C-alpha atoms as a PDB file:
ATOM      1  CA  ASN A   1       0.217  -0.330  -0.212  1.00  0.00           C
ATOM      2  CA  PRO A   2       1.521   3.365  -1.154  1.00  0.00           C
ATOM      3  CA  ALA A   3       0.390   5.209   2.222  1.00  0.00           C
ATOM      4  CA  ILE A   4       2.746   2.566   3.956  1.00  0.00           C
ATOM      5  CA  ASP A   5       5.548   4.737   3.007  1.00  0.00           C
ATOM      6  CA  ALA A   6       4.145   8.278   2.153  1.00  0.00           C
ATOM      7  CA  LEU A   7       2.192   8.952   5.239  1.00  0.00           C
ATOM      8  CA  ARG A   8       4.063  10.149   8.346  1.00  0.00           C
ATOM      9  CA  VAL A   9       2.968  12.261  11.812  1.00  0.00           C
ATOM     10  CA  ALA A  10       4.301  15.750  11.084  1.00  0.00           C
ATOM     11  CA  GLU A  11       2.628  17.513  14.221  1.00  0.00           C
ATOM     12  CA  ILE A  12       1.379  16.773  18.085  1.00  0.00           C
ATOM     13  CA  ASN A  13      -0.241  19.038  20.536  1.00  0.00           C
ATOM     14  CA  TYR A  14      -0.919  16.700  23.244  1.00  0.00           C
ATOM     15  CA  ASN A  15      -0.910  19.353  25.667  1.00  0.00           C
ATOM     16  CA  PRO A  16      -2.159  22.703  24.634  1.00  0.00           C
ATOM     17  CA  GLY A  17      -1.727  26.276  25.764  1.00  0.00           C
ATOM     18  CA  ALA A  18      -4.320  27.342  28.583  1.00  0.00           C
ATOM     19  CA  PRO A  19      -7.839  28.653  27.122  1.00  0.00           C
ATOM     20  CA  THR A  20      -8.158  32.770  26.977  1.00  0.00           C
ATOM     21  CA  VAL A  21     -10.917  34.052  28.836  1.00  0.00           C
ATOM     22  CA  THR A  22     -13.224  33.813  25.740  1.00  0.00           C
ATOM     23  CA  GLU A  23     -12.511  30.039  25.079  1.00  0.00           C
ATOM     24  CA  GLN A  24     -13.566  29.327  29.208  1.00  0.00           C
ATOM     25  CA  LYS A  25     -16.723  31.326  28.358  1.00  0.00           C
ATOM     26  CA  SER A  26     -17.312  28.647  25.887  1.00  0.00           C
ATOM     27  CA  GLY A  27     -16.678  26.131  28.509  1.00  0.00           C
ATOM     28  CA  TYR A  28     -13.074  24.644  26.918  1.00  0.00           C
ATOM     29  CA  ALA A  29     -10.613  23.407  28.760  1.00  0.00           C
ATOM     30  CA  SER A  30      -7.157  23.028  27.452  1.00  0.00           C
ATOM     31  CA  ASP A  31      -7.536  19.462  26.123  1.00  0.00           C
ATOM     32  CA  ASP A  32      -9.877  20.433  24.070  1.00  0.00           C
ATOM     33  CA  PHE A  33      -7.094  21.883  21.434  1.00  0.00           C
ATOM     34  CA  GLU A  34      -5.228  19.222  21.241  1.00  0.00           C
ATOM     35  CA  PHE A  35      -5.040  18.012  17.390  1.00  0.00           C
ATOM     36  CA  ILE A  36      -2.616  15.601  15.484  1.00  0.00           C
ATOM     37  CA  GLU A  37      -1.305  15.944  11.968  1.00  0.00           C
ATOM     38  CA  LEU A  38      -0.268  13.796   9.467  1.00  0.00           C
ATOM     39  CA  VAL A  39       2.115  14.901   6.190  1.00  0.00           C
ATOM     40  CA  ASN A  40       1.941  12.928   2.254  1.00  0.00           C
ATOM     41  CA  ARG A  41       6.090  13.067   2.274  1.00  0.00           C
ATOM     42  CA  GLY A  42       5.485  11.242  -1.255  1.00  0.00           C
ATOM     43  CA  ALA A  43       5.484  12.515  -4.558  1.00  0.00           C
ATOM     44  CA  VAL A  44       1.881  11.335  -5.810  1.00  0.00           C
ATOM     45  CA  GLU A  45      -1.610  11.742  -4.354  1.00  0.00           C
ATOM     46  CA  THR A  46      -2.070   9.413  -1.782  1.00  0.00           C
ATOM     47  CA  SER A  47      -5.634   7.596  -0.515  1.00  0.00           C
ATOM     48  CA  LEU A  48      -6.729   7.504   2.842  1.00  0.00           C
ATOM     49  CA  ASN A  49      -8.700   5.056   2.225  1.00  0.00           C
ATOM     50  CA  GLY A  50      -7.809   2.111   5.315  1.00  0.00           C
ATOM     51  CA  VAL A  51      -6.152   4.868   7.076  1.00  0.00           C
ATOM     52  CA  GLN A  52      -6.292   4.699  10.739  1.00  0.00           C
ATOM     53  CA  LEU A  53      -5.126   6.378  13.708  1.00  0.00           C
ATOM     54  CA  THR A  54      -5.470   3.169  16.231  1.00  0.00           C
ATOM     55  CA  GLN A  55      -5.772   2.644  19.827  1.00  0.00           C
ATOM     56  CA  VAL A  56      -3.678  -0.108  21.203  1.00  0.00           C
ATOM     57  CA  ASN A  57      -3.436  -2.290  24.587  1.00  0.00           C
ATOM     58  CA  LEU A  58      -0.398  -2.132  26.229  1.00  0.00           C
ATOM     59  CA  ASP A  59       0.198  -3.736  29.543  1.00  0.00           C
ATOM     60  CA  GLY A  60      -3.507  -3.529  30.159  1.00  0.00           C
ATOM     61  CA  VAL A  61      -3.698   0.419  29.015  1.00  0.00           C
ATOM     62  CA  GLU A  62      -5.231   1.776  26.197  1.00  0.00           C
ATOM     63  CA  GLN A  63      -2.897   3.749  24.641  1.00  0.00           C
ATOM     64  CA  GLY A  64      -3.365   6.277  21.927  1.00  0.00           C
ATOM     65  CA  LEU A  65      -6.390   7.534  19.368  1.00  0.00           C
ATOM     66  CA  ASP A  66      -8.748   5.899  17.660  1.00  0.00           C
ATOM     67  CA  PHE A  67      -9.717   7.900  14.115  1.00  0.00           C
ATOM     68  CA  ASP A  68     -10.985   6.392  10.485  1.00  0.00           C
ATOM     69  CA  PHE A  69      -9.812   8.408   7.510  1.00  0.00           C
ATOM     70  CA  SER A  70     -11.925   6.087   4.984  1.00  0.00           C
ATOM     71  CA  ASN A  71     -15.042   8.646   5.575  1.00  0.00           C
ATOM     72  CA  SER A  72     -13.874  11.575   6.984  1.00  0.00           C
ATOM     73  CA  ALA A  73     -13.522  14.814   5.537  1.00  0.00           C
ATOM     74  CA  VAL A  74     -10.138  14.398   3.815  1.00  0.00           C
ATOM     75  CA  THR A  75      -9.792  10.706   1.959  1.00  0.00           C
ATOM     76  CA  HIS A  76      -6.780  11.892  -0.376  1.00  0.00           C
ATOM     77  CA  LEU A  77      -3.582  14.073   0.024  1.00  0.00           C
ATOM     78  CA  ALA A  78      -1.615  15.368  -2.748  1.00  0.00           C
ATOM     79  CA  PRO A  79       2.016  15.612  -2.209  1.00  0.00           C
ATOM     80  CA  GLY A  80       3.218  17.608   0.562  1.00  0.00           C
ATOM     81  CA  GLU A  81      -0.510  18.454   1.899  1.00  0.00           C
ATOM     82  CA  ARG A  82      -1.266  17.711   5.348  1.00  0.00           C
ATOM     83  CA  VAL A  83      -4.548  16.578   7.622  1.00  0.00           C
ATOM     84  CA  VAL A  84      -5.105  17.258  11.122  1.00  0.00           C
ATOM     85  CA  VAL A  85      -7.363  15.221  13.491  1.00  0.00           C
ATOM     86  CA  VAL A  86      -8.444  16.883  16.465  1.00  0.00           C
ATOM     87  CA  GLU A  87     -10.238  16.421  20.217  1.00  0.00           C
ATOM     88  CA  ASP A  88     -12.705  19.388  19.783  1.00  0.00           C
ATOM     89  CA  LEU A  89     -13.724  20.571  16.435  1.00  0.00           C
ATOM     90  CA  ALA A  90     -15.418  23.305  17.746  1.00  0.00           C
ATOM     91  CA  ALA A  91     -12.809  24.357  20.246  1.00  0.00           C
ATOM     92  CA  PHE A  92     -10.532  24.154  17.346  1.00  0.00           C
ATOM     93  CA  GLN A  93     -11.657  26.251  15.161  1.00  0.00           C
ATOM     94  CA  LEU A  94     -12.552  28.655  17.747  1.00  0.00           C
ATOM     95  CA  ARG A  95      -9.105  28.706  18.440  1.00  0.00           C
ATOM     96  CA  TYR A  96      -7.312  28.327  14.837  1.00  0.00           C
ATOM     97  CA  GLY A  97      -9.835  29.637  12.256  1.00  0.00           C
ATOM     98  CA  THR A  98     -10.514  28.191   8.878  1.00  0.00           C
ATOM     99  CA  VAL A  99      -7.623  25.083   8.812  1.00  0.00           C
ATOM    100  CA  THR A 100      -7.412  23.678   5.449  1.00  0.00           C
ATOM    101  CA  GLY A 101      -7.468  19.838   5.834  1.00  0.00           C
ATOM    102  CA  VAL A 102      -9.159  19.036   8.906  1.00  0.00           C
ATOM    103  CA  ALA A 103     -10.627  15.379   8.671  1.00  0.00           C
ATOM    104  CA  GLY A 104     -12.516  15.043  11.674  1.00  0.00           C
ATOM    105  CA  GLN A 105     -12.832  14.574  15.853  1.00  0.00           C
ATOM    106  CA  TRP A 106     -11.058  11.147  16.979  1.00  0.00           C
ATOM    107  CA  SER A 107     -12.124   8.868  20.281  1.00  0.00           C
ATOM    108  CA  GLY A 108      -9.211   8.818  22.917  1.00  0.00           C
ATOM    109  CA  GLY A 109      -6.979  11.411  23.718  1.00  0.00           C
ATOM    110  CA  LEU A 110      -3.539  12.453  24.177  1.00  0.00           C
ATOM    111  CA  ASN A 111      -1.707  11.890  27.325  1.00  0.00           C
ATOM    112  CA  ASN A 112       0.138  15.081  28.975  1.00  0.00           C
ATOM    113  CA  ASN A 113       3.099  13.070  29.788  1.00  0.00           C
ATOM    114  CA  SER A 114       3.520  10.561  27.059  1.00  0.00           C
ATOM    115  CA  GLU A 115       1.673   8.573  24.477  1.00  0.00           C
ATOM    116  CA  THR A 116       2.183   5.504  22.327  1.00  0.00           C
ATOM    117  CA  VAL A 117       0.598   6.723  18.717  1.00  0.00           C
ATOM    118  CA  THR A 118      -0.077   3.880  16.056  1.00  0.00           C
ATOM    119  CA  LEU A 119      -0.735   4.537  12.633  1.00  0.00           C
ATOM    120  CA  THR A 120      -2.287   1.864  10.618  1.00  0.00           C
ATOM    121  CA  VAL A 121      -3.419   0.999   6.924  1.00  0.00           C
ATOM    122  CA  SER A 122      -5.933  -1.505   6.514  1.00  0.00           C
ATOM    123  CA  GLY A 123      -4.788  -3.446   9.736  1.00  0.00           C
ATOM    124  CA  THR A 124      -0.254  -2.872   8.790  1.00  0.00           C
ATOM    125  CA  VAL A 125       1.084  -0.761  10.951  1.00  0.00           C
ATOM    126  CA  ILE A 126       2.851   2.569   9.402  1.00  0.00           C
ATOM    127  CA  GLN A 127       4.557   4.174  12.541  1.00  0.00           C
ATOM    128  CA  GLN A 128       4.192   3.891  16.198  1.00  0.00           C
ATOM    129  CA  PHE A 129       6.042   5.531  18.189  1.00  0.00           C
ATOM    130  CA  VAL A 130       6.275   7.366  21.979  1.00  0.00           C
ATOM    131  CA  TYR A 131       6.764  11.006  22.927  1.00  0.00           C
ATOM    132  CA  GLN A 132       7.617  12.528  25.871  1.00  0.00           C
ATOM    133  CA  ASP A 133       6.862  15.591  27.347  1.00  0.00           C
ATOM    134  CA  ASP A 134      10.550  16.405  29.021  1.00  0.00           C
ATOM    135  CA  TRP A 135      11.751  16.225  25.579  1.00  0.00           C
ATOM    136  CA  TYR A 136      10.821  20.013  25.140  1.00  0.00           C
ATOM    137  CA  PRO A 137       8.956  21.486  28.225  1.00  0.00           C
ATOM    138  CA  SER A 138       7.614  24.246  26.346  1.00  0.00           C
ATOM    139  CA  SER A 139       5.390  21.792  24.499  1.00  0.00           C
ATOM    140  CA  ASP A 140       3.989  20.545  27.969  1.00  0.00           C
ATOM    141  CA  GLY A 141       1.041  23.005  28.162  1.00  0.00           C
ATOM    142  CA  THR A 142       2.878  26.536  27.572  1.00  0.00           C
ATOM    143  CA  GLY A 143       1.848  26.962  23.841  1.00  0.00           C
ATOM    144  CA  GLY A 144       4.462  25.034  22.107  1.00  0.00           C
ATOM    145  CA  SER A 145       3.913  21.574  19.845  1.00  0.00           C
ATOM    146  CA  LEU A 146       6.102  19.121  18.857  1.00  0.00           C
ATOM    147  CA  VAL A 147       7.369  19.599  15.258  1.00  0.00           C
ATOM    148  CA  ILE A 148       8.974  16.696  13.233  1.00  0.00           C
ATOM    149  CA  VAL A 149      12.714  17.594  12.506  1.00  0.00           C
ATOM    150  CA  ASP A 150      13.024  15.231   9.321  1.00  0.00           C
ATOM    151  CA  THR A 151       9.853  13.192   7.611  1.00  0.00           C
ATOM    152  CA  GLU A 152      12.106  11.518   5.668  1.00  0.00           C
ATOM    153  CA  ALA A 153      14.059  10.400   8.578  1.00  0.00           C
ATOM    154  CA  ASP A 154      13.872   6.772  10.014  1.00  0.00           C
ATOM    155  CA  LEU A 155      10.885   6.111  11.963  1.00  0.00           C
ATOM    156  CA  ALA A 156      12.951   5.567  14.615  1.00  0.00           C
ATOM    157  CA  MET A 157      13.584   9.401  15.021  1.00  0.00           C
ATOM    158  CA  TRP A 158       9.739   9.237  15.999  1.00  0.00           C
ATOM    159  CA  SER A 159      10.421   7.941  19.465  1.00  0.00           C
ATOM    160  CA  GLN A 160      13.478  10.073  20.098  1.00  0.00           C
ATOM    161  CA  ARG A 161      13.762  14.197  21.370  1.00  0.00           C
ATOM    162  CA  GLU A 162      16.237  14.386  18.660  1.00  0.00           C
ATOM    163  CA  GLY A 163      13.702  13.294  16.257  1.00  0.00           C
ATOM    164  CA  TRP A 164      11.695  16.548  17.329  1.00  0.00           C
ATOM    165  CA  SER A 165      11.692  20.511  17.492  1.00  0.00           C
ATOM    166  CA  LEU A 166      10.042  23.004  18.959  1.00  0.00           C
ATOM    167  CA  SER A 167       6.847  24.728  16.799  1.00  0.00           C
ATOM    168  CA  THR A 168       7.970  27.827  15.560  1.00  0.00           C
ATOM    169  CA  GLN A 169       4.739  29.562  16.599  1.00  0.00           C
ATOM    170  CA  VAL A 170       2.329  29.712  20.152  1.00  0.00           C
ATOM    171  CA  GLY A 171      -0.368  26.778  19.480  1.00  0.00           C
ATOM    172  CA  GLY A 172       1.867  25.027  16.684  1.00  0.00           C
ATOM    173  CA  THR A 173       1.221  25.121  12.679  1.00  0.00           C
ATOM    174  CA  PRO A 174      -1.530  22.941  12.024  1.00  0.00           C
ATOM    175  CA  GLY A 175      -2.257  22.337   8.371  1.00  0.00           C
ATOM    176  CA  ARG A 176       0.976  24.073   7.227  1.00  0.00           C
ATOM    177  CA  VAL A 177       4.402  24.204   8.015  1.00  0.00           C
ATOM    178  CA  GLY A 178       5.919  26.740  10.293  1.00  0.00           C
ATOM    179  CA  ILE A 179       8.556  29.238   9.129  1.00  0.00           C
ATOM    180  CA  LEU A 180      11.359  29.783  11.542  1.00  0.00           C
ATOM    181  CA  GLY A 181      11.150  33.381  12.631  1.00  0.00           C
ATOM    182  CA  ASP A 182       7.401  34.055  11.880  1.00  0.00           C
ATOM    183  CA  PHE A 183       6.712  34.645  15.537  1.00  0.00           C
ATOM    184  CA  ASP A 184       3.323  36.595  14.757  1.00  0.00           C
ATOM    185  CA  GLY A 185       1.998  33.231  12.711  1.00  0.00           C
ATOM    186  CA  ASP A 186       1.374  35.186   9.147  1.00  0.00           C
ATOM    187  CA  ASP A 187       3.401  32.890   7.180  1.00  0.00           C
ATOM    188  CA  ALA A 188       5.935  35.866   6.373  1.00  0.00           C
ATOM    189  CA  ILE A 189       9.377  37.099   7.988  1.00  0.00           C
ATOM    190  CA  SER A 190       8.748  41.131   8.537  1.00  0.00           C
ATOM    191  CA  VAL A 191       9.455  43.933  10.949  1.00  0.00           C
ATOM    192  CA  LEU A 192       6.300  42.489  13.272  1.00  0.00           C
ATOM    193  CA  ASP A 193       8.594  39.735  13.798  1.00  0.00           C
ATOM    194  CA  VAL A 194      11.634  42.062  14.544  1.00  0.00           C
ATOM    195  CA  ASP A 195       9.707  43.589  17.326  1.00  0.00           C
ATOM    196  CA  ALA A 196       8.363  40.670  18.440  1.00  0.00           C
ATOM    197  CA  LEU A 197      11.701  39.537  19.087  1.00  0.00           C
ATOM    198  CA  HIS A 198      12.770  42.921  20.595  1.00  0.00           C
ATOM    199  CA  ALA A 199      10.097  43.078  22.835  1.00  0.00           C
ATOM    200  CA  GLU A 200      10.974  39.607  24.226  1.00  0.00           C
ATOM    201  CA  ILE A 201      14.159  40.747  24.396  1.00  0.00           C
ATOM    202  CA  VAL A 202      13.384  43.600  26.737  1.00  0.00           C
ATOM    203  CA  ASN A 203      10.483  42.133  28.988  1.00  0.00           C
ATOM    204  CA  GLY A 204      13.530  38.861  29.697  1.00  0.00           C
ATOM    205  CA  SER A 205      11.159  36.072  29.719  1.00  0.00           C
ATOM    206  CA  HIS A 206      13.288  34.274  27.302  1.00  0.00           C
ATOM    207  CA  SER A 207      10.347  32.636  25.627  1.00  0.00           C
ATOM    208  CA  PRO A 208      11.831  29.103  23.661  1.00  0.00           C
ATOM    209  CA  LEU A 209       9.260  29.868  20.838  1.00  0.00           C
ATOM    210  CA  LEU A 210      11.703  32.986  20.365  1.00  0.00           C
ATOM    211  CA  ASP A 211      15.354  31.224  21.259  1.00  0.00           C
ATOM    212  CA  LEU A 212      16.884  31.020  17.671  1.00  0.00           C
ATOM    213  CA  THR A 213      20.063  29.943  19.197  1.00  0.00           C
ATOM    214  CA  SER A 214      18.800  27.159  21.472  1.00  0.00           C
ATOM    215  CA  ASP A 215      20.776  28.117  24.155  1.00  0.00           C
ATOM    216  CA  GLY A 216      17.980  29.118  27.140  1.00  0.00           C
ATOM    217  CA  LEU A 217      18.007  32.656  26.560  1.00  0.00           C
ATOM    218  CA  VAL A 218      16.283  35.507  24.244  1.00  0.00           C
ATOM    219  CA  ASP A 219      18.857  38.098  23.787  1.00  0.00           C
ATOM    220  CA  HIS A 220      20.446  40.066  21.210  1.00  0.00           C
ATOM    221  CA  ALA A 221      22.348  36.568  19.596  1.00  0.00           C
ATOM    222  CA  ASP A 222      18.923  35.566  19.052  1.00  0.00           C
ATOM    223  CA  LEU A 223      18.622  39.047  16.981  1.00  0.00           C
ATOM    224  CA  ASP A 224      21.808  38.333  15.293  1.00  0.00           C
ATOM    225  CA  THR A 225      20.391  35.266  13.648  1.00  0.00           C
ATOM    226  CA  PHE A 226      17.415  36.687  12.791  1.00  0.00           C
ATOM    227  CA  VAL A 227      19.036  39.029  10.947  1.00  0.00           C
ATOM    228  CA  THR A 228      21.580  37.697   9.526  1.00  0.00           C
ATOM    229  CA  SER A 229      20.474  33.958   8.545  1.00  0.00           C
ATOM    230  CA  VAL A 230      16.494  33.881   9.024  1.00  0.00           C
ATOM    231  CA  ALA A 231      15.852  37.288   7.152  1.00  0.00           C
ATOM    232  CA  GLN A 232      19.535  36.956   5.247  1.00  0.00           C
ATOM    233  CA  THR A 233      19.955  40.910   5.466  1.00  0.00           C
ATOM    234  CA  GLN A 234      21.742  43.159   7.523  1.00  0.00           C
ATOM    235  CA  PHE A 235      21.238  45.472  10.009  1.00  0.00           C
ATOM    236  CA  GLY A 236      20.946  48.914   9.001  1.00  0.00           C
END
């Protein structure tokens, strides 16, 4: 089946940031905003017929999610296209607005500490891996999501910290590829992102989502990296 080589999990938001006042008034809690994203890394369109996120019983504990793509809102993926499955569709739309490629709601849930995720097609396992909450603390309830570094990597990398990075934006980037340095989430690098980075430096809170040098600090070294490496320009 072509789906075995084409489909990979690309992003997981397993412990979303706290709900806003508006979200709380609508009755939502943090877990309602969970999502998982798959990508077609292949060169041709891939059918999702028979593809499922599957719960498995490990040592007497149900792990993972249940979702069948066969009759969902998304049944085919073009090359590079992404599909998102969510905990609560209404909550997701309230937080993220209209996102292309949302297939529907799953059954089950994503544990805030660790979870086994299993992706199958017609009963054959495509992927099975375990994430851990201590890989990137900022993905554990403070706004970030886990984003796979290389969808062409060996399958073992999905169960290793090195295989993942922190999302480029608060809340993650469901349905799209996050752009490094796009701090305001408008899919572009602009002076607004410079302003956001400068404000973080002045504020001194050192958010990992703006730490371009991965040294635990948000300082002028990150500003230098943004200007010279991300924006590929120069000061002045």
